[in-house]
Amino acid sequence: MLDTHSSLTAHLEKVFSTVFTPGLGHCSKSKAKLTPKPKQVRKISTKIDRLVSTQVLTSVGHSEWDAPIVAVQKETGSLRLCADYSTGLNEALEQQQHPLSSPDYIFTKLNGGRYFSQLYLAEAYLHLEVDDDTK
């Protein structure tokens, strides 16, 4: 069986030598064409410009902590920019756990309450300023 396996492997490596070469290969049958939609590019640029003008983002040129983004269209038509921080930043951050109370506990505490408020939390994460040393 070993001889058969070895001879089959040798035969396949000889017949399909271009497949079994070391290094990075590529598909030569077709090329992918990536075409960003101009309207979406404008929307993303507008969103980033707004975040820079409101000092949520700061232009730094190149950064070792940069991350790829994906723009997701919300039901309202506006964009949400999502960054993939698994490319490096996540590993450098110290995890801090802040357990949340259960809904049952919260509702029990609210029992008998007379005043309630409603908060509009759109972009609430932008309300917390980041320390200069960790920007």
Protein backbone atom coordinates (compact mmCIF):
# COMPACT_ATOMS: atom_id res chain seq x y z
CA MET A 1 0.00 0.00 0.00
CA LEU A 2 2.84 2.37 0.87
CA ASP A 3 4.45 1.82 -2.56
CA THR A 4 1.15 2.51 -4.28
CA HIS A 5 0.61 5.66 -2.24
CA SER A 6 4.17 6.87 -2.83
CA SER A 7 4.05 6.18 -6.55
CA LEU A 8 0.65 7.87 -6.87
CA THR A 9 1.96 10.91 -5.01
CA ALA A 10 5.05 11.06 -7.23
CA HIS A 11 2.90 10.70 -10.35
CA LEU A 12 0.52 13.50 -9.27
CA GLU A 13 3.42 15.80 -8.36
CA LYS A 14 4.93 15.21 -11.81
CA VAL A 15 1.72 15.63 -13.83
CA PHE A 16 0.51 18.67 -11.85
CA SER A 17 3.89 20.20 -11.02
CA THR A 18 2.55 23.77 -11.21
CA VAL A 19 0.13 23.01 -8.38
CA PHE A 20 2.76 21.52 -6.08
CA THR A 21 5.36 24.29 -6.25
CA PRO A 22 6.31 26.14 -3.08
CA GLY A 23 5.21 29.74 -2.69
CA LEU A 24 2.08 31.69 -3.35
CA GLY A 25 0.08 30.69 -6.40
CA HIS A 26 -2.70 32.49 -8.19
CA CYS A 27 -5.74 31.79 -10.28
CA SER A 28 -4.92 32.62 -13.90
CA LYS A 29 -8.33 31.82 -15.37
CA SER A 30 -9.97 35.09 -14.39
CA LYS A 31 -9.35 38.29 -12.46
CA ALA A 32 -11.58 39.77 -9.80
CA LYS A 33 -12.82 43.25 -10.57
CA LEU A 34 -13.51 45.31 -7.48
CA THR A 35 -15.61 48.34 -8.25
CA PRO A 36 -16.49 50.60 -5.34
CA LYS A 37 -19.82 52.30 -5.89
CA PRO A 38 -19.15 56.06 -6.21
CA LYS A 39 -22.24 56.96 -4.17
CA GLN A 40 -21.12 54.68 -1.31
CA VAL A 41 -17.56 56.03 -1.43
CA ARG A 42 -18.97 59.57 -1.10
CA LYS A 43 -21.18 58.51 1.83
CA ILE A 44 -18.22 56.91 3.61
CA SER A 45 -16.01 59.96 2.95
CA THR A 46 -18.75 62.27 4.24
CA LYS A 47 -19.15 60.16 7.39
CA ILE A 48 -15.39 60.13 8.04
CA ASP A 49 -15.13 63.89 7.35
CA ARG A 50 -17.91 64.54 9.88
CA LEU A 51 -16.16 62.40 12.50
CA VAL A 52 -12.90 64.29 11.88
CA SER A 53 -14.59 67.72 11.98
CA THR A 54 -16.27 66.88 15.30
CA GLN A 55 -12.89 65.63 16.60
CA VAL A 56 -14.12 62.08 17.13
CA LEU A 57 -11.42 60.92 14.74
CA THR A 58 -7.99 62.47 14.24
CA SER A 59 -6.02 62.15 11.04
CA VAL A 60 -2.68 60.53 11.85
CA GLY A 61 -1.45 59.30 8.48
CA HIS A 62 -0.14 55.80 9.11
CA SER A 63 -0.73 53.92 12.36
CA GLU A 64 0.30 50.47 13.50
CA TRP A 65 -3.19 50.19 15.02
CA ASP A 66 -5.17 50.83 11.84
CA ALA A 67 -8.00 48.46 11.09
CA PRO A 68 -10.06 47.65 8.01
CA ILE A 69 -13.59 49.06 7.98
CA VAL A 70 -16.88 47.91 6.56
CA ALA A 71 -19.71 50.36 5.99
CA VAL A 72 -23.11 48.94 6.90
CA GLN A 73 -26.25 50.73 5.79
CA LYS A 74 -28.80 51.13 8.58
CA GLU A 75 -32.55 50.89 8.04
CA THR A 76 -32.64 54.71 8.12
CA GLY A 77 -30.25 54.86 5.15
CA SER A 78 -27.40 56.28 7.21
CA LEU A 79 -24.10 54.44 7.52
CA ARG A 80 -22.50 52.65 10.42
CA LEU A 81 -18.73 52.27 10.13
CA CYS A 82 -17.57 48.98 11.62
CA ALA A 83 -13.86 48.40 12.23
CA ASP A 84 -12.27 44.97 12.51
CA TYR A 85 -9.94 45.38 15.50
CA SER A 86 -9.05 41.68 15.53
CA THR A 87 -6.18 42.63 13.19
CA GLY A 88 -4.04 43.77 16.12
CA LEU A 89 -5.61 46.29 18.47
CA ASN A 90 -7.76 43.80 20.41
CA GLU A 91 -4.71 41.80 21.45
CA ALA A 92 -3.04 44.91 22.89
CA LEU A 93 -6.01 45.95 25.04
CA GLU A 94 -6.41 44.94 28.66
CA GLN A 95 -9.80 43.32 29.20
CA GLN A 96 -12.00 45.00 31.78
CA GLN A 97 -15.18 43.26 32.85
CA HIS A 98 -18.20 45.31 33.87
CA PRO A 99 -21.08 42.92 34.62
CA LEU A 100 -24.54 44.27 33.95
CA SER A 101 -27.51 43.74 36.21
CA SER A 102 -30.21 41.42 34.95
CA PRO A 103 -33.43 42.97 33.63
CA ASP A 104 -35.37 41.32 36.49
CA TYR A 105 -33.14 43.04 39.06
CA ILE A 106 -33.48 46.41 37.31
CA PHE A 107 -37.27 46.16 37.04
CA THR A 108 -37.52 45.18 40.71
CA LYS A 109 -35.55 48.30 41.65
CA LEU A 110 -37.83 50.44 39.46
CA ASN A 111 -40.97 49.06 41.10
CA GLY A 112 -42.87 51.89 42.75
CA GLY A 113 -40.88 54.55 40.90
CA ARG A 114 -42.66 57.78 40.04
CA TYR A 115 -40.29 59.45 37.59
CA PHE A 116 -38.77 57.90 34.53
CA SER A 117 -36.68 59.28 31.70
CA GLN A 118 -35.85 58.20 28.22
CA LEU A 119 -32.37 58.67 26.77
CA TYR A 120 -31.59 58.99 23.10
CA LEU A 121 -28.32 57.12 22.78
CA ALA A 122 -27.46 57.55 19.11
CA GLU A 123 -23.67 57.48 18.89
CA ALA A 124 -23.55 57.32 22.70
CA TYR A 125 -20.11 55.71 22.58
CA LEU A 126 -18.81 59.01 21.16
CA HIS A 127 -19.72 60.86 24.37
CA LEU A 128 -16.84 59.33 26.29
CA GLU A 129 -13.56 61.10 25.63
CA VAL A 130 -10.48 58.93 25.24
CA ASP A 131 -7.45 59.75 27.40
CA ASP A 132 -4.65 61.47 25.41
CA ASP A 133 -2.14 58.78 26.40
CA THR A 134 -4.29 56.04 24.89
CA LYS A 135 -5.49 57.74 21.71
